[in-house]
């Protein structure tokens, strides 16, 4: 019985952590709107620079719109402040 409670608490804590991470990622993406960024285009292996003009949510993950492309937060190489 005790083992079940511990397992349940760990799963609940992990679920809470994942929800906080998703919320944080969305906040970070929204804060990049209007910012000039350089992104690693994974399809061409070349850097792409431009202003973040939009944020889409795809499968609960933020997607940055830069020029004609759509990129993940993890693709960012630099941000101009």
N, C-alpha and C. Protein backbone atom coordinates (compact mmCIF):
# COMPACT_ATOMS: atom_id res chain seq x y z
N UNK A 1 0.83 -1.19 0.00
CA UNK A 1 0.00 0.00 0.00
C UNK A 1 0.87 1.25 0.00
N UNK A 2 1.87 1.29 0.80
CA UNK A 2 2.76 2.45 0.87
C UNK A 2 3.48 2.65 -0.46
N UNK A 3 3.89 1.58 -1.10
CA UNK A 3 4.59 1.67 -2.38
C UNK A 3 3.70 2.34 -3.43
N UNK A 4 2.43 2.01 -3.44
CA UNK A 4 1.49 2.62 -4.38
C UNK A 4 1.39 4.12 -4.16
N UNK A 5 1.30 4.54 -2.91
CA UNK A 5 1.20 5.97 -2.61
C UNK A 5 2.43 6.73 -3.05
N UNK A 6 3.60 6.16 -2.83
CA UNK A 6 4.85 6.81 -3.24
C UNK A 6 4.88 6.92 -4.76
N UNK A 7 4.53 5.85 -5.45
CA UNK A 7 4.52 5.85 -6.91
C UNK A 7 3.53 6.88 -7.44
N UNK A 8 2.35 6.95 -6.85
CA UNK A 8 1.34 7.91 -7.27
C UNK A 8 1.85 9.34 -7.09
N UNK A 9 2.49 9.62 -5.95
CA UNK A 9 3.01 10.96 -5.69
C UNK A 9 4.11 11.34 -6.69
N UNK A 10 4.98 10.40 -7.03
CA UNK A 10 6.04 10.67 -8.00
C UNK A 10 5.42 10.98 -9.35
N UNK A 11 4.44 10.19 -9.77
CA UNK A 11 3.79 10.42 -11.06
C UNK A 11 3.08 11.78 -11.07
N UNK A 12 2.41 12.12 -9.99
CA UNK A 12 1.70 13.40 -9.89
C UNK A 12 2.69 14.56 -9.94
N UNK A 13 3.81 14.43 -9.22
CA UNK A 13 4.84 15.47 -9.23
C UNK A 13 5.44 15.64 -10.62
N UNK A 14 5.67 14.53 -11.31
CA UNK A 14 6.23 14.60 -12.65
C UNK A 14 5.25 15.25 -13.62
N UNK A 15 3.98 14.93 -13.48
CA UNK A 15 2.94 15.55 -14.31
C UNK A 15 2.89 17.05 -14.07
N UNK A 16 2.99 17.46 -12.82
CA UNK A 16 3.00 18.88 -12.47
C UNK A 16 4.22 19.56 -13.08
N UNK A 17 5.38 18.91 -13.00
CA UNK A 17 6.60 19.45 -13.58
C UNK A 17 6.44 19.65 -15.09
N UNK A 18 5.89 18.66 -15.79
CA UNK A 18 5.71 18.77 -17.25
C UNK A 18 4.76 19.91 -17.60
N UNK A 19 3.70 20.08 -16.82
CA UNK A 19 2.76 21.18 -17.07
C UNK A 19 3.44 22.53 -16.87
N UNK A 20 4.27 22.65 -15.84
CA UNK A 20 4.99 23.90 -15.60
C UNK A 20 5.98 24.18 -16.73
N UNK A 21 6.66 23.14 -17.22
CA UNK A 21 7.61 23.31 -18.32
C UNK A 21 6.89 23.79 -19.58
N UNK A 22 5.75 23.19 -19.90
CA UNK A 22 4.99 23.61 -21.08
C UNK A 22 4.57 25.07 -20.95
N UNK A 23 4.09 25.44 -19.77
CA UNK A 23 3.67 26.82 -19.54
C UNK A 23 4.85 27.78 -19.67
N UNK A 24 6.00 27.40 -19.14
CA UNK A 24 7.19 28.22 -19.24
C UNK A 24 7.65 28.36 -20.69
N UNK A 25 7.61 27.27 -21.44
CA UNK A 25 8.01 27.31 -22.85
C UNK A 25 7.11 28.26 -23.65
N UNK A 26 5.82 28.20 -23.40
CA UNK A 26 4.88 29.09 -24.10
C UNK A 26 5.16 30.55 -23.73
N UNK A 27 5.42 30.82 -22.46
CA UNK A 27 5.74 32.18 -22.02
C UNK A 27 7.02 32.68 -22.69
N UNK A 28 8.04 31.83 -22.76
CA UNK A 28 9.28 32.22 -23.41
C UNK A 28 9.04 32.54 -24.88
N UNK A 29 8.26 31.72 -25.56
CA UNK A 29 7.98 31.95 -26.97
C UNK A 29 7.24 33.26 -27.18
N UNK A 30 6.25 33.52 -26.37
CA UNK A 30 5.48 34.77 -26.50
C UNK A 30 6.38 35.98 -26.25
N UNK A 31 7.30 35.85 -25.30
CA UNK A 31 8.22 36.95 -25.02
C UNK A 31 9.18 37.22 -26.17
N UNK A 32 9.32 36.29 -27.09
CA UNK A 32 10.20 36.48 -28.24
C UNK A 32 9.52 37.21 -29.40
N UNK A 33 8.21 37.40 -29.32
CA UNK A 33 7.51 38.13 -30.38
C UNK A 33 8.14 39.51 -30.58
N UNK A 34 8.47 39.82 -31.83
CA UNK A 34 9.08 41.10 -32.15
C UNK A 34 10.58 41.14 -31.98
N UNK A 35 11.16 40.09 -31.43
CA UNK A 35 12.61 40.04 -31.23
C UNK A 35 13.30 39.48 -32.47
N UNK A 36 14.52 39.95 -32.70
CA UNK A 36 15.34 39.47 -33.82
C UNK A 36 16.15 38.28 -33.33
N UNK A 37 16.00 37.14 -34.00
CA UNK A 37 16.67 35.92 -33.56
C UNK A 37 17.44 35.28 -34.70
N UNK A 38 18.39 34.47 -34.34
CA UNK A 38 19.08 33.60 -35.30
C UNK A 38 18.76 32.17 -34.88
N UNK A 39 18.31 31.40 -35.84
CA UNK A 39 17.83 30.04 -35.59
C UNK A 39 18.58 29.07 -36.47
N UNK A 40 18.83 27.87 -35.95
CA UNK A 40 19.43 26.80 -36.75
C UNK A 40 18.31 26.09 -37.50
N UNK A 41 18.30 26.23 -38.81
CA UNK A 41 17.31 25.53 -39.63
C UNK A 41 17.78 24.08 -39.76
N UNK A 42 17.07 23.16 -39.11
CA UNK A 42 17.52 21.77 -39.08
C UNK A 42 17.44 21.10 -40.44
N UNK A 43 16.58 21.59 -41.33
CA UNK A 43 16.47 20.96 -42.65
C UNK A 43 17.61 21.36 -43.59
N UNK A 44 18.07 22.61 -43.50
CA UNK A 44 19.15 23.07 -44.39
C UNK A 44 20.51 23.11 -43.70
N UNK A 45 20.52 22.98 -42.38
CA UNK A 45 21.75 23.07 -41.58
C UNK A 45 22.39 24.46 -41.65
N UNK A 46 21.59 25.46 -42.02
CA UNK A 46 22.08 26.84 -42.12
C UNK A 46 21.36 27.72 -41.11
N UNK A 47 22.04 28.76 -40.62
CA UNK A 47 21.36 29.69 -39.72
C UNK A 47 20.37 30.58 -40.48
N UNK A 48 19.26 30.87 -39.83
CA UNK A 48 18.24 31.76 -40.38
C UNK A 48 18.04 32.88 -39.38
N UNK A 49 18.04 34.12 -39.85
CA UNK A 49 17.84 35.27 -38.97
C UNK A 49 16.58 36.01 -39.38
N UNK A 50 15.90 36.57 -38.38
CA UNK A 50 14.71 37.36 -38.65
C UNK A 50 13.97 37.67 -37.38
N UNK A 51 12.88 38.37 -37.53
CA UNK A 51 12.04 38.77 -36.40
C UNK A 51 10.96 37.73 -36.17
N UNK A 52 10.77 37.38 -34.91
CA UNK A 52 9.70 36.44 -34.56
C UNK A 52 8.37 37.17 -34.74
N UNK A 53 7.58 36.71 -35.70
CA UNK A 53 6.33 37.39 -36.02
C UNK A 53 5.10 36.66 -35.51
N UNK A 54 5.29 35.44 -35.02
CA UNK A 54 4.15 34.69 -34.51
C UNK A 54 4.58 33.50 -33.68
N UNK A 55 3.62 32.99 -32.92
CA UNK A 55 3.84 31.78 -32.12
C UNK A 55 2.64 30.88 -32.33
N UNK A 56 2.90 29.65 -32.72
CA UNK A 56 1.85 28.64 -32.87
C UNK A 56 2.03 27.59 -31.80
N UNK A 57 0.94 26.94 -31.41
CA UNK A 57 1.03 25.80 -30.51
C UNK A 57 0.76 24.55 -31.32
N UNK A 58 1.74 23.66 -31.36
CA UNK A 58 1.62 22.40 -32.08
C UNK A 58 1.89 21.28 -31.08
N UNK A 59 0.87 20.46 -30.83
CA UNK A 59 0.99 19.39 -29.83
C UNK A 59 1.45 19.93 -28.48
N UNK A 60 0.88 21.05 -28.07
CA UNK A 60 1.22 21.71 -26.80
C UNK A 60 2.65 22.22 -26.73
N UNK A 61 3.32 22.32 -27.87
CA UNK A 61 4.68 22.84 -27.93
C UNK A 61 4.66 24.15 -28.74
N UNK A 62 5.33 25.20 -28.24
CA UNK A 62 5.36 26.44 -29.01
C UNK A 62 6.24 26.31 -30.25
N UNK A 63 5.80 26.97 -31.31
CA UNK A 63 6.52 26.99 -32.58
C UNK A 63 6.66 28.46 -32.98
N UNK A 64 7.89 28.89 -33.22
CA UNK A 64 8.15 30.28 -33.58
C UNK A 64 8.03 30.47 -35.08
N UNK A 65 7.39 31.56 -35.49
CA UNK A 65 7.30 31.90 -36.90
C UNK A 65 8.33 33.00 -37.17
N UNK A 66 9.29 32.67 -38.04
CA UNK A 66 10.34 33.62 -38.44
C UNK A 66 10.40 33.56 -39.96
N UNK A 67 10.08 34.69 -40.60
CA UNK A 67 10.02 34.69 -42.06
C UNK A 67 8.96 33.70 -42.52
N UNK A 68 9.32 32.85 -43.46
CA UNK A 68 8.40 31.83 -43.96
C UNK A 68 8.53 30.51 -43.20
N UNK A 69 9.43 30.46 -42.21
CA UNK A 69 9.69 29.21 -41.50
C UNK A 69 9.05 29.13 -40.13
N UNK A 70 8.97 27.91 -39.65
CA UNK A 70 8.45 27.64 -38.30
C UNK A 70 9.49 26.79 -37.59
N UNK A 71 9.83 27.22 -36.36
CA UNK A 71 10.95 26.62 -35.65
C UNK A 71 10.62 26.37 -34.18
N UNK A 72 11.36 25.45 -33.58
CA UNK A 72 11.22 25.15 -32.16
C UNK A 72 12.09 26.10 -31.33
N UNK A 73 11.74 26.25 -30.08
CA UNK A 73 12.55 27.07 -29.17
C UNK A 73 13.98 26.55 -29.10
N UNK A 74 14.14 25.24 -29.16
CA UNK A 74 15.47 24.65 -29.04
C UNK A 74 16.35 24.91 -30.25
N UNK A 75 15.77 25.44 -31.34
CA UNK A 75 16.54 25.76 -32.54
C UNK A 75 17.21 27.13 -32.47
N UNK A 76 16.88 27.92 -31.45
CA UNK A 76 17.42 29.28 -31.33
C UNK A 76 18.92 29.24 -31.02
N UNK A 77 19.67 30.01 -31.81
CA UNK A 77 21.11 30.15 -31.59
C UNK A 77 21.41 31.44 -30.83
N UNK A 78 20.69 32.53 -31.15
CA UNK A 78 20.93 33.81 -30.47
C UNK A 78 19.68 34.68 -30.55
N UNK A 79 19.62 35.62 -29.60
CA UNK A 79 18.52 36.57 -29.52
C UNK A 79 19.12 37.95 -29.35
N UNK A 80 18.73 38.91 -30.20
CA UNK A 80 19.17 40.29 -30.03
C UNK A 80 18.26 40.96 -29.03
N UNK A 81 18.87 41.65 -28.10
CA UNK A 81 18.07 42.33 -27.06
C UNK A 81 17.87 43.78 -27.43
